[in-house]
Amino acid sequence: MTLARRIQEIEPFLAVAVAERAQELERSGHDIVHLEFGEPDFEAPPAVRDALARAIKDGRTRYAHSLGILPLREAIAEHYAQTYGVTISPDQILVTSPPAPRPACCSCSDTS
């Protein structure tokens, strides 16, 4: 199979380029901490692994709502009510995980 020439014009995703360079350095004997994809250099704690295993066993393997898991957003709203005395709807709360587009969302928010 021959790839179209235009494929060569596609710019690589920067994180992938950094990861590939880090892997090259690692193969040549350098001690590398891989943070290019936001991956820590340690394993998940046992409680996290156990929760993941339960979620898989319970069939909770789908993407969450685009704003985040509703019970978590409800708990955050309740925390703000109890801690700061403010009323926030769970629909006003966005829960993301890195490297989600959080900065872009924040920069587009109307704070008035």
Protein backbone atom coordinates (compact mmCIF):
# COMPACT_ATOMS: atom_id res chain seq x y z
CA MET A 1 0.00 0.00 0.00
CA THR A 2 1.28 3.46 -0.89
CA LEU A 3 0.32 6.34 1.39
CA ALA A 4 -0.78 9.62 -0.12
CA ARG A 5 1.87 12.36 -0.08
CA ARG A 6 -0.44 14.63 1.89
CA ILE A 7 -0.07 12.22 4.84
CA GLN A 8 3.53 13.41 5.19
CA GLU A 9 2.26 16.98 5.65
CA ILE A 10 0.29 16.16 8.79
CA GLU A 11 2.01 17.66 11.80
CA PRO A 12 2.63 15.18 14.62
CA PHE A 13 0.78 15.62 17.90
CA LEU A 14 3.37 17.30 20.14
CA ALA A 15 2.85 14.92 23.06
CA VAL A 16 3.49 11.94 20.78
CA ALA A 17 6.70 13.52 19.48
CA VAL A 18 7.85 14.17 23.05
CA ALA A 19 6.98 10.59 24.06
CA GLU A 20 8.92 9.14 21.13
CA ARG A 21 11.97 11.26 22.00
CA ALA A 22 11.69 10.24 25.66
CA GLN A 23 11.56 6.57 24.65
CA GLU A 24 14.69 7.04 22.52
CA LEU A 25 16.49 8.59 25.48
CA GLU A 26 15.28 5.80 27.74
CA ARG A 27 16.56 3.13 25.33
CA SER A 28 19.95 4.84 25.34
CA GLY A 29 20.15 4.49 29.13
CA HIS A 30 18.71 7.76 30.44
CA ASP A 31 16.38 7.63 33.44
CA ILE A 32 13.13 9.16 32.17
CA VAL A 33 9.99 10.12 34.08
CA HIS A 34 7.22 9.98 31.49
CA LEU A 35 4.90 12.95 31.94
CA GLU A 36 4.24 13.64 28.27
CA PHE A 37 0.72 12.19 28.47
CA GLY A 38 0.13 13.14 32.08
CA GLU A 39 1.13 9.66 33.18
CA PRO A 40 2.71 9.43 36.63
CA ASP A 41 5.83 7.36 37.22
CA PHE A 42 4.13 5.22 39.86
CA GLU A 43 1.36 2.65 39.93
CA ALA A 44 -2.17 3.47 40.99
CA PRO A 45 -2.80 2.95 44.71
CA PRO A 46 -4.60 -0.26 45.74
CA ALA A 47 -7.85 1.61 46.50
CA VAL A 48 -7.93 2.99 42.95
CA ARG A 49 -7.19 -0.41 41.42
CA ASP A 50 -9.91 -2.00 43.57
CA ALA A 51 -12.44 0.69 42.55
CA LEU A 52 -11.54 0.14 38.89
CA ALA A 53 -12.00 -3.61 39.22
CA ARG A 54 -15.43 -3.07 40.85
CA ALA A 55 -16.47 -0.64 38.11
CA ILE A 56 -15.50 -3.14 35.42
CA LYS A 57 -17.28 -5.97 37.26
CA ASP A 58 -20.40 -3.79 37.60
CA GLY A 59 -20.34 -2.92 33.89
CA ARG A 60 -19.55 0.77 34.44
CA THR A 61 -17.25 1.07 31.44
CA ARG A 62 -18.93 3.80 29.38
CA TYR A 63 -18.04 7.44 29.09
CA ALA A 64 -19.55 9.67 31.74
CA HIS A 65 -21.81 12.65 31.03
CA SER A 66 -19.90 15.45 29.29
CA LEU A 67 -20.09 17.57 32.45
CA GLY A 68 -18.89 14.71 34.64
CA ILE A 69 -20.54 12.11 36.84
CA LEU A 70 -23.78 13.53 38.26
CA PRO A 71 -23.39 12.23 41.87
CA LEU A 72 -19.94 13.86 41.99
CA ARG A 73 -21.28 17.17 40.65
CA GLU A 74 -24.12 16.99 43.20
CA ALA A 75 -21.60 16.40 46.01
CA ILE A 76 -19.53 19.37 44.82
CA ALA A 77 -22.64 21.58 44.76
CA GLU A 78 -23.51 20.43 48.30
CA HIS A 79 -19.95 21.13 49.46
CA TYR A 80 -20.16 24.69 48.14
CA ALA A 81 -23.55 25.17 49.81
CA GLN A 82 -22.28 23.95 53.19
CA THR A 83 -18.81 25.50 53.04
CA TYR A 84 -19.47 28.83 51.34
CA GLY A 85 -23.23 29.27 51.65
CA VAL A 86 -23.73 29.53 47.90
CA THR A 87 -26.21 27.71 45.72
CA ILE A 88 -24.73 26.14 42.63
CA SER A 89 -26.62 23.80 40.34
CA PRO A 90 -24.83 20.57 39.44
CA ASP A 91 -25.47 21.64 35.83
CA GLN A 92 -23.09 24.58 36.41
CA ILE A 93 -20.27 22.27 37.47
CA LEU A 94 -17.79 20.79 35.01
CA VAL A 95 -15.63 17.88 36.18
CA THR A 96 -12.81 17.00 33.81
CA SER A 97 -9.66 14.94 33.89
CA PRO A 98 -6.32 16.02 32.50
CA PRO A 99 -5.61 16.71 29.71
CA ALA A 100 -9.22 17.70 29.06
CA PRO A 101 -9.84 21.12 27.50
CA ARG A 102 -10.20 22.83 30.88
CA PRO A 103 -8.19 25.97 30.03
CA ALA A 104 -10.20 26.47 26.86
CA CYS A 105 -13.46 26.08 28.78
CA CYS A 106 -12.34 28.51 31.45
CA SER A 107 -11.18 31.09 28.94
CA CYS A 108 -14.57 30.93 27.19
CA SER A 109 -16.58 31.27 30.38
CA ASP A 110 -18.67 34.37 31.01
CA THR A 111 -17.85 35.41 34.54
CA SER A 112 -20.35 38.27 34.70
